[in-house]
Protein backbone atom coordinates (compact mmCIF):
# COMPACT_ATOMS: atom_id res chain seq x y z
CA MET A 1 -3.43 32.15 21.28
CA LYS A 2 -3.78 29.27 18.60
CA THR A 3 -7.03 28.96 16.74
CA ALA A 4 -9.20 26.48 14.84
CA THR A 5 -10.64 26.26 11.99
CA ALA A 6 -13.81 23.28 11.06
CA THR A 7 -15.60 23.14 8.15
CA TYR A 8 -18.63 20.81 8.26
CA PRO A 9 -20.72 19.26 5.50
CA ILE A 10 -23.54 21.91 3.69
CA THR A 11 -26.16 19.33 4.43
CA THR A 12 -26.02 16.89 7.50
CA ALA A 13 -28.56 13.85 8.81
CA PRO A 14 -30.81 15.11 11.69
CA ASP A 15 -28.16 14.84 14.93
CA ARG A 16 -28.98 11.48 16.37
CA ALA A 17 -26.84 8.84 17.92
CA GLU A 18 -25.19 6.95 15.40
CA GLU A 19 -25.53 3.09 15.25
CA ALA A 20 -22.88 0.50 16.75
CA GLY A 21 -19.97 -0.31 13.95
CA ALA A 22 -20.71 3.80 12.50
CA GLU A 23 -17.96 5.29 10.35
CA PHE A 24 -16.24 8.53 9.88
CA VAL A 25 -13.28 10.22 8.77
CA LEU A 26 -11.52 13.34 10.06
CA THR A 27 -8.96 15.46 8.06
CA LEU A 28 -6.87 18.16 9.69
CA ASP A 29 -3.91 20.40 9.03
CA CYS A 30 -2.11 22.49 11.80
CA ALA A 31 1.41 23.19 12.62
CA GLU A 32 4.02 20.80 12.75
CA SER A 33 4.71 19.80 16.51
CA PRO A 34 5.27 17.08 18.77
CA GLY A 35 2.44 15.42 20.68
CA ILE A 36 -0.86 15.67 17.41
CA ILE A 37 -1.03 11.72 16.65
CA SER A 38 -0.78 11.18 20.17
CA SER A 39 -3.79 13.61 21.15
CA VAL A 40 -6.13 12.26 18.27
CA SER A 41 -5.39 8.83 19.11
CA LYS A 42 -6.61 9.53 22.39
CA PHE A 43 -9.22 11.32 21.78
CA LEU A 44 -10.66 8.32 19.90
CA LEU A 45 -9.41 5.83 22.57
CA ASP A 46 -11.50 7.95 24.98
CA HIS A 47 -14.59 8.15 22.92
CA GLY A 48 -14.85 4.27 22.38
CA CYS A 49 -12.85 4.27 18.27
CA ASN A 50 -10.78 1.79 16.39
CA ILE A 51 -8.65 3.88 13.51
CA ILE A 52 -9.51 1.60 10.15
CA ASP A 53 -7.00 3.66 8.25
CA ILE A 54 -4.98 6.65 9.16
CA LYS A 55 -2.77 8.67 6.18
CA GLN A 56 -0.69 11.56 7.19
CA PHE A 57 1.99 14.26 6.08
CA GLY A 58 5.28 16.37 7.78
CA ASP A 59 6.16 18.80 5.00
CA ARG A 60 9.03 20.04 6.16
CA GLN A 61 9.92 22.46 4.26
CA GLU A 62 6.65 24.26 5.22
CA GLN A 63 6.61 22.70 8.91
CA HIS A 64 2.59 21.79 8.32
CA PHE A 65 1.74 18.48 9.57
CA PHE A 66 -1.72 17.06 7.29
CA MET A 67 -3.39 14.02 8.51
CA ARG A 68 -6.59 11.86 7.44
CA VAL A 69 -7.91 8.93 9.91
CA HIS A 70 -10.49 6.71 8.44
CA PHE A 71 -11.99 5.03 12.31
CA VAL A 72 -14.66 3.33 13.83
CA SER A 73 -17.18 3.27 16.56
CA SER A 74 -17.98 0.55 18.69
CA GLY A 75 -20.80 0.58 21.45
CA ASN A 76 -23.68 3.50 22.11
CA ALA A 77 -21.67 5.62 19.48
CA PRO A 78 -22.08 9.01 19.85
CA SER A 79 -23.46 11.38 16.75
CA ALA A 80 -20.86 12.76 14.30
CA GLU A 81 -21.77 16.49 15.28
CA ALA A 82 -21.55 15.29 19.13
CA LEU A 83 -17.98 14.03 17.94
CA ARG A 84 -17.49 17.48 16.63
CA GLN A 85 -18.37 19.09 19.42
CA ASP A 86 -15.91 16.89 21.67
CA PHE A 87 -13.11 17.52 19.06
CA THR A 88 -13.41 20.99 19.09
CA PRO A 89 -10.80 21.70 22.25
CA VAL A 90 -8.40 19.17 20.94
CA ALA A 91 -8.72 20.95 17.12
CA GLY A 92 -8.00 24.77 19.29
CA GLU A 93 -5.68 22.99 21.43
CA TRP A 94 -3.33 22.55 17.93
CA ALA A 95 -4.87 25.25 15.86
CA MET A 96 -6.13 22.81 13.47
CA ASN A 97 -8.26 22.90 10.00
CA TRP A 98 -11.03 20.22 10.34
CA ARG A 99 -13.41 18.38 9.61
CA LEU A 100 -15.28 14.97 10.40
CA GLU A 101 -17.83 13.65 8.32
CA PRO A 102 -20.02 10.05 8.38
CA HIS A 103 -17.62 8.05 6.43
CA GLY A 104 -19.20 7.37 2.89
CA ARG A 105 -21.86 10.01 3.36
CA LYS A 106 -22.70 11.13 -0.60
CA GLN A 107 -21.50 14.55 -1.48
CA ARG A 108 -23.97 16.53 -3.54
CA ILE A 109 -22.05 18.18 -7.32
CA LEU A 110 -23.36 20.40 -9.22
CA VAL A 111 -21.86 19.62 -13.21
CA MET A 112 -20.93 21.95 -15.91
CA VAL A 113 -20.66 21.25 -19.07
CA SER A 114 -20.66 22.50 -23.22
CA LYS A 115 -20.52 20.28 -25.90
CA TYR A 116 -17.97 17.36 -25.41
CA GLY A 117 -19.85 14.64 -22.83
CA HIS A 118 -17.11 12.33 -21.81
CA CYS A 119 -16.63 13.24 -18.87
CA LEU A 120 -20.18 14.21 -17.70
CA ASN A 121 -21.45 10.68 -19.09
CA ASP A 122 -18.17 9.39 -16.96
CA LEU A 123 -19.53 10.84 -14.36
CA LEU A 124 -23.03 9.94 -14.76
CA PHE A 125 -22.03 6.43 -14.93
CA ARG A 126 -20.17 6.17 -11.96
CA ALA A 127 -22.20 7.94 -9.60
CA ARG A 128 -25.54 6.25 -10.72
CA THR A 129 -23.73 2.33 -10.12
CA GLY A 130 -21.99 4.24 -6.94
CA GLU A 131 -18.74 3.71 -7.90
CA LEU A 132 -18.22 7.48 -6.99
CA PRO A 133 -19.67 8.54 -3.30
CA VAL A 134 -20.95 11.73 -4.85
CA GLU A 135 -24.88 12.46 -5.54
CA ILE A 136 -24.81 14.49 -8.38
CA VAL A 137 -28.00 17.18 -8.46
CA ALA A 138 -27.71 19.09 -11.48
CA VAL A 139 -26.45 19.79 -14.54
CA VAL A 140 -26.14 23.65 -15.93
CA SER A 141 -24.65 23.70 -19.73
CA ASN A 142 -24.81 26.26 -21.89
CA HIS A 143 -25.70 24.31 -24.67
CA ARG A 144 -28.53 21.15 -25.17
CA ASP A 145 -26.78 18.85 -26.05
CA HIS A 146 -26.74 16.58 -23.12
CA GLU A 147 -30.36 17.53 -21.81
CA ASP A 148 -31.70 14.32 -22.96
CA LEU A 149 -28.94 12.01 -21.50
CA VAL A 150 -29.30 13.49 -18.25
CA GLY A 151 -33.11 13.27 -18.24
CA TRP A 152 -32.42 9.55 -18.69
CA HIS A 153 -30.58 9.76 -15.52
CA GLY A 154 -33.33 12.05 -14.14
CA ILE A 155 -31.28 14.52 -12.92
CA PRO A 156 -32.10 18.02 -13.30
CA PHE A 157 -30.90 19.27 -16.79
CA HIS A 158 -30.87 24.07 -15.97
CA HIS A 159 -29.76 25.19 -19.97
CA VAL A 160 -28.11 28.85 -18.77
CA PRO A 161 -26.86 29.78 -21.94
CA VAL A 162 -23.91 32.64 -21.81
CA SER A 163 -22.43 35.37 -23.90
CA GLN A 164 -20.52 38.46 -22.87
CA ALA A 165 -23.67 40.82 -22.70
CA THR A 166 -25.58 37.98 -19.94
CA LYS A 167 -22.34 36.30 -17.83
CA PRO A 168 -23.04 38.67 -15.10
CA GLU A 169 -26.61 36.98 -15.41
CA ALA A 170 -25.25 33.71 -15.91
CA GLU A 171 -23.19 33.37 -13.40
CA ALA A 172 -25.78 34.55 -10.58
CA THR A 173 -27.99 31.69 -11.70
CA LEU A 174 -25.56 29.68 -11.02
CA LEU A 175 -25.03 30.73 -7.83
CA SER A 176 -28.40 30.74 -7.15
CA LEU A 177 -28.80 27.29 -8.30
CA VAL A 178 -25.53 26.54 -6.01
CA ASP A 179 -27.85 27.37 -3.14
CA THR A 180 -31.21 26.19 -3.82
CA TYR A 181 -29.60 22.56 -4.21
CA GLN A 182 -27.41 22.89 -1.26
CA VAL A 183 -24.50 22.07 -3.57
CA GLU A 184 -20.96 20.74 -2.28
CA LEU A 185 -18.83 20.69 -5.02
CA VAL A 186 -19.21 22.52 -8.61
CA VAL A 187 -17.39 19.82 -11.44
CA LEU A 188 -16.48 21.13 -14.31
CA ALA A 189 -16.13 18.71 -16.89
CA ARG A 190 -15.69 19.91 -20.20
CA TYR A 191 -17.24 23.59 -19.24
CA MET A 192 -15.74 25.85 -22.01
CA GLN A 193 -16.51 29.25 -20.13
CA VAL A 194 -13.98 31.64 -18.45
CA LEU A 195 -15.71 32.20 -14.72
CA SER A 196 -14.74 35.83 -13.26
CA ASP A 197 -12.89 36.48 -10.83
CA ASN A 198 -15.75 36.91 -8.33
CA LEU A 199 -17.35 33.36 -8.97
CA THR A 200 -13.45 31.79 -8.85
CA ALA A 201 -13.57 33.37 -4.78
CA ARG A 202 -16.62 32.25 -4.05
CA LEU A 203 -16.38 28.85 -5.24
CA ALA A 204 -12.75 28.86 -3.44
CA GLY A 205 -12.10 24.76 -2.93
CA LYS A 206 -15.27 23.84 -4.29
CA ALA A 207 -14.46 23.87 -7.64
CA ILE A 208 -12.99 21.11 -9.92
CA ASN A 209 -11.47 21.61 -13.45
CA ILE A 210 -10.35 19.74 -16.10
CA HIS A 211 -7.79 19.97 -19.06
CA HIS A 212 -5.47 18.95 -21.11
CA SER A 213 -2.24 18.29 -20.32
CA PHE A 214 -0.11 20.19 -23.10
CA LEU A 215 -0.81 23.88 -21.40
CA PRO A 216 0.67 26.03 -21.69
CA SER A 217 0.97 24.60 -25.18
CA PHE A 218 -0.95 23.94 -27.43
CA LYS A 219 -3.73 26.97 -26.39
CA GLY A 220 -7.00 27.56 -28.02
CA ALA A 221 -9.03 25.00 -30.96
CA LYS A 222 -7.39 21.89 -31.27
CA PRO A 223 -4.97 21.37 -29.04
CA TYR A 224 -4.79 17.73 -30.31
CA HIS A 225 -3.93 18.23 -34.01
CA GLN A 226 -1.42 21.22 -32.63
CA ALA A 227 0.13 18.56 -30.83
CA TYR A 228 -0.11 16.04 -33.92
CA GLU A 229 2.22 18.46 -35.54
CA ARG A 230 4.67 18.57 -32.95
CA GLY A 231 4.55 14.70 -32.77
CA VAL A 232 4.32 14.91 -29.14
CA LYS A 233 4.61 11.51 -27.51
CA THR A 234 3.02 11.83 -24.69
CA VAL A 235 -0.78 12.57 -23.82
CA GLY A 236 -2.17 13.49 -20.67
CA ALA A 237 -4.93 15.68 -18.05
CA THR A 238 -4.71 17.84 -15.30
CA ALA A 239 -7.86 18.29 -12.99
CA HIS A 240 -7.23 20.85 -10.55
CA TYR A 241 -9.28 23.09 -8.39
CA VAL A 242 -10.89 26.27 -9.98
CA ASN A 243 -8.56 29.52 -9.17
CA SER A 244 -8.60 32.91 -10.60
CA GLU A 245 -5.33 31.81 -12.72
CA LEU A 246 -7.09 30.01 -15.86
CA ASP A 247 -5.97 26.57 -15.90
CA GLU A 248 -3.13 27.08 -12.89
CA GLY A 249 -5.54 26.23 -9.92
CA PRO A 250 -4.07 23.69 -7.38
CA ILE A 251 -2.96 20.46 -9.04
CA ILE A 252 -5.09 17.39 -7.44
CA ALA A 253 -4.65 14.69 -10.17
CA GLN A 254 -2.91 14.31 -13.64
CA GLN A 255 -3.02 11.04 -16.30
CA VAL A 256 -0.45 10.40 -18.94
CA ILE A 257 -0.43 7.98 -21.80
CA GLU A 258 2.01 7.22 -23.99
CA VAL A 259 1.57 7.90 -27.41
CA ASP A 260 4.10 7.47 -30.81
CA HIS A 261 4.19 8.39 -34.65
CA THR A 262 1.40 6.01 -35.35
CA TYR A 263 -1.80 8.03 -33.54
CA THR A 264 -3.09 10.00 -35.86
CA PRO A 265 -5.15 13.50 -34.97
CA ALA A 266 -8.01 11.73 -34.33
CA ASP A 267 -6.57 9.21 -32.03
CA LEU A 268 -4.98 11.38 -29.68
CA VAL A 269 -8.32 12.79 -29.35
CA THR A 270 -9.86 9.41 -27.65
CA VAL A 271 -6.76 8.85 -26.12
CA GLY A 272 -7.08 12.28 -24.20
CA ARG A 273 -10.53 12.04 -23.43
CA ASP A 274 -9.77 9.00 -21.57
CA ALA A 275 -7.03 10.76 -19.31
CA GLU A 276 -9.10 13.02 -19.01
CA CYS A 277 -12.17 11.00 -17.79
CA LYS A 278 -9.85 9.17 -15.41
CA ALA A 279 -8.10 12.39 -13.97
CA LEU A 280 -11.05 14.58 -13.49
CA THR A 281 -12.81 11.19 -11.64
CA ASN A 282 -10.18 10.80 -9.37
CA ALA A 283 -9.64 14.24 -8.08
CA VAL A 284 -13.64 14.13 -7.59
CA ARG A 285 -13.20 10.92 -5.45
CA TRP A 286 -10.17 12.37 -3.26
CA HIS A 287 -12.07 15.51 -2.63
CA SER A 288 -15.30 13.37 -1.45
CA GLU A 289 -13.65 10.79 0.14
CA GLY A 290 -11.88 13.71 2.45
CA ARG A 291 -8.64 13.27 1.07
CA ILE A 292 -7.52 16.16 -0.18
CA ILE A 293 -6.19 18.86 1.76
CA LEU A 294 -4.98 22.66 0.28
CA SER A 295 -2.01 23.87 0.93
CA GLY A 296 -0.99 27.70 -0.55
CA ASN A 297 -1.01 26.59 -4.08
CA ARG A 298 -0.21 22.82 -3.70
CA THR A 299 -2.78 20.05 -2.66
CA VAL A 300 -1.86 17.40 -0.30
CA VAL A 301 -3.46 13.89 -1.34
CA LEU A 302 -3.95 11.45 1.41
CA ARG A 303 -4.61 8.39 -0.64
């Protein structure tokens, strides 16, 4: 018997009829089979909805289908919850993993950071200007370096020191904050602490990390200085979901910038920071817009 799995936002607006012209995003994946697109299209037509944008991918090797539909309602539009209820039988027919949300809904994110603040600063700016469809509800750090910056943005700052002895307590505090702020996504914006297997399991598919793309080369301190000594010709960054394998979770976004022999170690650091900010921004945006579907240890990004 086929079964369907639906995921919904942690926080939703009160159930009510949406205004005419309300927009939604439906994201789904299931086993490949003829008729899926027709079934979804018929559902939207029957509910007076018009497709604005549709992205789809059929993985021939895995025989799996992925789709994201951005659509708009017309007339007396139903609420997101009503659409979910009506779509449930369709999803069940195809055993879909799916979610349906109002388009443009800001996801609640919690940012974690240590001493390097470039990614944090970039996220704060883009969230404040509306470039990212997110609301940064809190920032957690094991240092106080960025407390004033976060406070200037009017966002709660939580200093949670971490040592080998206090790590379980610190991670318990983090999970408590995730619950308190109803966090939907945790973003590790150069948070220089290794998360425990228990914590990564609790945050599976809901935590994004960023690191330089030299890995597994140039591990440890001053990777850009190590890269300089080896005469690298590209600098990059990788944003990925967090899992129990350190810096090896499903890749979401990568950036690569060419460099040459004239670049000093300081130049490489500067270029690397730009790459890290761009890769992390893309990953957070695509996640928040419902463009990413996990497929084993890979991601399908329906851009």
